N, C-alpha and C. Protein backbone atom coordinates (compact mmCIF):
# COMPACT_ATOMS: atom_id res chain seq x y z
N MET A 1 0.84 -1.18 0.00
CA MET A 1 0.00 0.00 0.00
C MET A 1 0.88 1.23 0.00
N ASP A 2 0.61 2.11 -0.92
CA ASP A 2 1.39 3.32 -1.00
C ASP A 2 0.85 4.33 0.00
N ILE A 3 1.74 4.99 0.69
CA ILE A 3 1.32 5.91 1.75
C ILE A 3 1.04 7.30 1.22
N LEU A 4 1.50 7.62 0.00
CA LEU A 4 1.32 8.97 -0.53
C LEU A 4 -0.15 9.38 -0.64
N PRO A 5 -1.06 8.55 -1.19
CA PRO A 5 -2.46 8.98 -1.21
C PRO A 5 -3.03 9.18 0.19
N MET A 6 -2.62 8.34 1.13
CA MET A 6 -3.11 8.50 2.50
C MET A 6 -2.60 9.81 3.09
N LEU A 7 -1.36 10.17 2.82
CA LEU A 7 -0.80 11.40 3.33
C LEU A 7 -1.47 12.60 2.69
N THR A 8 -1.79 12.49 1.38
CA THR A 8 -2.50 13.57 0.70
C THR A 8 -3.89 13.74 1.30
N TRP A 9 -4.57 12.63 1.55
CA TRP A 9 -5.89 12.72 2.17
C TRP A 9 -5.79 13.38 3.54
N THR A 10 -4.78 13.00 4.31
CA THR A 10 -4.58 13.57 5.64
C THR A 10 -4.35 15.06 5.54
N THR A 11 -3.52 15.48 4.62
CA THR A 11 -3.20 16.89 4.47
C THR A 11 -4.44 17.69 4.09
N GLN A 12 -5.30 17.14 3.25
CA GLN A 12 -6.45 17.88 2.77
C GLN A 12 -7.65 17.83 3.70
N HIS A 13 -7.91 16.68 4.31
CA HIS A 13 -9.19 16.50 5.00
C HIS A 13 -9.10 16.42 6.52
N LEU A 14 -7.99 16.05 7.05
CA LEU A 14 -7.92 15.87 8.50
C LEU A 14 -8.17 17.16 9.28
N PRO A 15 -7.59 18.30 8.89
CA PRO A 15 -7.91 19.52 9.65
C PRO A 15 -9.40 19.84 9.67
N ASP A 16 -10.08 19.62 8.55
CA ASP A 16 -11.52 19.88 8.50
C ASP A 16 -12.29 18.94 9.41
N ARG A 17 -11.90 17.66 9.39
CA ARG A 17 -12.60 16.67 10.24
C ARG A 17 -12.37 16.96 11.72
N VAL A 18 -11.13 17.32 12.07
CA VAL A 18 -10.83 17.62 13.47
C VAL A 18 -11.57 18.88 13.91
N ALA A 19 -11.56 19.89 13.06
CA ALA A 19 -12.29 21.12 13.40
C ALA A 19 -13.77 20.86 13.58
N GLN A 20 -14.33 20.02 12.71
CA GLN A 20 -15.75 19.67 12.83
C GLN A 20 -16.00 18.92 14.13
N SER A 21 -15.13 18.01 14.47
CA SER A 21 -15.29 17.25 15.72
C SER A 21 -15.18 18.16 16.94
N ILE A 22 -14.23 19.08 16.91
CA ILE A 22 -14.09 20.01 18.04
C ILE A 22 -15.32 20.89 18.14
N ARG A 23 -15.81 21.37 17.01
CA ARG A 23 -16.98 22.24 17.03
C ARG A 23 -18.22 21.50 17.52
N GLU A 24 -18.32 20.20 17.20
CA GLU A 24 -19.45 19.41 17.71
C GLU A 24 -19.32 19.20 19.21
N THR A 25 -18.09 19.05 19.69
CA THR A 25 -17.88 18.84 21.12
C THR A 25 -18.09 20.12 21.91
N VAL A 26 -17.58 21.22 21.37
CA VAL A 26 -17.72 22.53 22.03
C VAL A 26 -18.45 23.46 21.06
N PRO A 27 -19.78 23.42 21.06
CA PRO A 27 -20.52 24.21 20.07
C PRO A 27 -20.55 25.71 20.35
N ASP A 28 -20.27 26.11 21.58
CA ASP A 28 -20.36 27.53 21.94
C ASP A 28 -19.12 28.28 21.43
N PRO A 29 -19.28 29.24 20.51
CA PRO A 29 -18.13 29.96 19.99
C PRO A 29 -17.49 30.90 21.02
N ARG A 30 -18.16 31.13 22.14
CA ARG A 30 -17.56 31.96 23.19
C ARG A 30 -16.47 31.19 23.94
N VAL A 31 -16.57 29.86 23.96
CA VAL A 31 -15.56 29.03 24.64
C VAL A 31 -14.32 28.89 23.76
N LEU A 32 -14.54 28.49 22.53
CA LEU A 32 -13.45 28.37 21.55
C LEU A 32 -13.87 29.10 20.28
N SER A 33 -13.05 30.05 19.87
CA SER A 33 -13.37 30.77 18.63
C SER A 33 -13.05 29.89 17.43
N ASP A 34 -13.54 30.30 16.28
CA ASP A 34 -13.25 29.56 15.06
C ASP A 34 -11.75 29.56 14.77
N TRP A 35 -11.09 30.64 15.06
CA TRP A 35 -9.65 30.72 14.86
C TRP A 35 -8.92 29.70 15.75
N GLN A 36 -9.34 29.61 17.02
CA GLN A 36 -8.71 28.64 17.93
C GLN A 36 -8.96 27.20 17.47
N VAL A 37 -10.18 26.93 17.03
CA VAL A 37 -10.51 25.60 16.52
C VAL A 37 -9.64 25.28 15.31
N SER A 38 -9.48 26.25 14.43
CA SER A 38 -8.65 26.04 13.24
C SER A 38 -7.19 25.78 13.63
N GLN A 39 -6.68 26.50 14.60
CA GLN A 39 -5.29 26.31 15.04
C GLN A 39 -5.10 24.94 15.68
N ILE A 40 -6.04 24.51 16.48
CA ILE A 40 -5.97 23.18 17.11
C ILE A 40 -6.00 22.11 16.03
N ALA A 41 -6.88 22.26 15.05
CA ALA A 41 -6.99 21.28 13.97
C ALA A 41 -5.69 21.21 13.16
N GLN A 42 -5.08 22.35 12.89
CA GLN A 42 -3.81 22.37 12.16
C GLN A 42 -2.71 21.69 12.96
N ALA A 43 -2.69 21.90 14.28
CA ALA A 43 -1.67 21.28 15.12
C ALA A 43 -1.84 19.76 15.16
N VAL A 44 -3.08 19.30 15.25
CA VAL A 44 -3.33 17.86 15.26
C VAL A 44 -2.94 17.25 13.91
N ALA A 45 -3.28 17.91 12.82
CA ALA A 45 -2.93 17.40 11.49
C ALA A 45 -1.41 17.34 11.31
N ALA A 46 -0.71 18.35 11.79
CA ALA A 46 0.76 18.35 11.69
C ALA A 46 1.36 17.20 12.50
N THR A 47 0.80 16.94 13.66
CA THR A 47 1.29 15.84 14.50
C THR A 47 1.07 14.49 13.81
N VAL A 48 -0.10 14.31 13.22
CA VAL A 48 -0.40 13.06 12.52
C VAL A 48 0.50 12.89 11.31
N GLU A 49 0.72 13.96 10.55
CA GLU A 49 1.60 13.88 9.39
C GLU A 49 3.02 13.54 9.80
N GLU A 50 3.50 14.12 10.88
CA GLU A 50 4.86 13.82 11.35
C GLU A 50 4.97 12.36 11.80
N ALA A 51 3.94 11.86 12.47
CA ALA A 51 3.96 10.45 12.89
C ALA A 51 3.96 9.53 11.67
N ALA A 52 3.20 9.88 10.65
CA ALA A 52 3.17 9.07 9.43
C ALA A 52 4.51 9.13 8.72
N ARG A 53 5.13 10.29 8.72
CA ARG A 53 6.43 10.44 8.07
C ARG A 53 7.50 9.62 8.79
N LEU A 54 7.43 9.56 10.10
CA LEU A 54 8.40 8.78 10.87
C LEU A 54 8.17 7.28 10.71
N ASP A 55 6.93 6.88 10.45
CA ASP A 55 6.61 5.46 10.34
C ASP A 55 6.93 4.89 8.96
N ARG A 56 7.10 5.76 7.95
CA ARG A 56 7.35 5.30 6.59
C ARG A 56 8.59 4.42 6.46
N PRO A 57 9.76 4.80 6.98
CA PRO A 57 10.93 3.92 6.84
C PRO A 57 10.73 2.56 7.52
N ARG A 58 10.06 2.55 8.66
CA ARG A 58 9.78 1.29 9.35
C ARG A 58 8.89 0.40 8.49
N GLN A 59 7.92 1.00 7.84
CA GLN A 59 7.02 0.23 6.98
C GLN A 59 7.78 -0.34 5.78
N ARG A 60 8.67 0.46 5.20
CA ARG A 60 9.44 -0.04 4.07
C ARG A 60 10.37 -1.17 4.47
N ARG A 61 11.01 -1.06 5.64
CA ARG A 61 11.86 -2.15 6.13
C ARG A 61 11.04 -3.42 6.32
N ARG A 62 9.85 -3.28 6.88
CA ARG A 62 8.98 -4.43 7.09
C ARG A 62 8.60 -5.07 5.76
N GLU A 63 8.29 -4.25 4.76
CA GLU A 63 7.94 -4.80 3.45
C GLU A 63 9.13 -5.53 2.83
N TRP A 64 10.33 -4.99 2.93
CA TRP A 64 11.51 -5.65 2.39
C TRP A 64 11.78 -6.96 3.11
N MET A 65 11.64 -6.96 4.44
CA MET A 65 11.87 -8.18 5.20
C MET A 65 10.86 -9.26 4.81
N LEU A 66 9.60 -8.88 4.64
CA LEU A 66 8.60 -9.86 4.22
C LEU A 66 8.90 -10.39 2.83
N LEU A 67 9.37 -9.53 1.94
CA LEU A 67 9.73 -9.99 0.60
C LEU A 67 10.88 -10.99 0.65
N ILE A 68 11.92 -10.67 1.41
CA ILE A 68 13.09 -11.56 1.51
C ILE A 68 12.70 -12.89 2.16
N VAL A 69 11.95 -12.83 3.25
CA VAL A 69 11.52 -14.06 3.92
C VAL A 69 10.65 -14.90 2.99
N GLY A 70 9.77 -14.25 2.23
CA GLY A 70 8.92 -14.97 1.28
C GLY A 70 9.73 -15.65 0.18
N LEU A 71 10.73 -14.94 -0.33
CA LEU A 71 11.57 -15.54 -1.37
C LEU A 71 12.36 -16.73 -0.82
N ILE A 72 12.91 -16.58 0.37
CA ILE A 72 13.66 -17.69 0.98
C ILE A 72 12.75 -18.87 1.26
N ALA A 73 11.57 -18.60 1.82
CA ALA A 73 10.63 -19.68 2.12
C ALA A 73 10.19 -20.37 0.83
N GLY A 74 9.96 -19.61 -0.22
CA GLY A 74 9.57 -20.21 -1.49
C GLY A 74 10.67 -21.08 -2.07
N ALA A 75 11.90 -20.59 -1.97
CA ALA A 75 13.02 -21.40 -2.48
C ALA A 75 13.19 -22.67 -1.67
N LEU A 76 13.09 -22.56 -0.34
CA LEU A 76 13.25 -23.75 0.51
C LEU A 76 12.12 -24.75 0.30
N LEU A 77 10.93 -24.26 0.02
CA LEU A 77 9.80 -25.15 -0.20
C LEU A 77 9.84 -25.80 -1.58
N SER A 78 10.41 -25.09 -2.55
CA SER A 78 10.42 -25.65 -3.90
C SER A 78 11.37 -26.84 -4.04
N ILE A 79 12.40 -26.90 -3.23
CA ILE A 79 13.35 -28.02 -3.32
C ILE A 79 12.67 -29.35 -2.96
N PRO A 80 12.02 -29.47 -1.79
CA PRO A 80 11.35 -30.76 -1.49
C PRO A 80 10.22 -31.08 -2.47
N VAL A 81 9.51 -30.06 -2.93
CA VAL A 81 8.44 -30.31 -3.89
C VAL A 81 9.03 -30.84 -5.19
N GLY A 82 10.13 -30.27 -5.64
CA GLY A 82 10.79 -30.76 -6.84
C GLY A 82 11.28 -32.19 -6.69
N ILE A 83 11.85 -32.49 -5.55
CA ILE A 83 12.30 -33.87 -5.30
C ILE A 83 11.11 -34.82 -5.29
N TRP A 84 10.02 -34.42 -4.67
CA TRP A 84 8.83 -35.28 -4.61
C TRP A 84 8.25 -35.51 -6.00
N VAL A 85 8.19 -34.43 -6.82
CA VAL A 85 7.65 -34.57 -8.17
C VAL A 85 8.53 -35.49 -9.00
N ASN A 86 9.84 -35.39 -8.86
CA ASN A 86 10.75 -36.26 -9.59
C ASN A 86 10.62 -37.71 -9.14
N SER A 87 10.33 -37.92 -7.90
CA SER A 87 10.24 -39.29 -7.40
C SER A 87 8.95 -39.98 -7.84
N ILE A 88 7.88 -39.24 -8.06
CA ILE A 88 6.62 -39.88 -8.46
C ILE A 88 6.50 -40.03 -9.97
N THR A 89 7.39 -39.44 -10.73
CA THR A 89 7.30 -39.58 -12.20
C THR A 89 8.22 -40.66 -12.72
């Protein structure tokens, strides 16, 4: 799964969703102004983007490890299967 579309979605929509959630939780504009809600939403979106950016190398390492393990397991499994096929023919 490519993370770029997810990051683009986060950049475009997360601040709006967070602002909407905050406004639903605190509907009175005297408690939190629209500017404050917008600033909180931007801060949350920046935190989420930074966490996603930090997790990207870990995800790539995991994908490479799974690829290598899969190739090794496939090679190790193909040897006995080949021997078995040769023995029954």
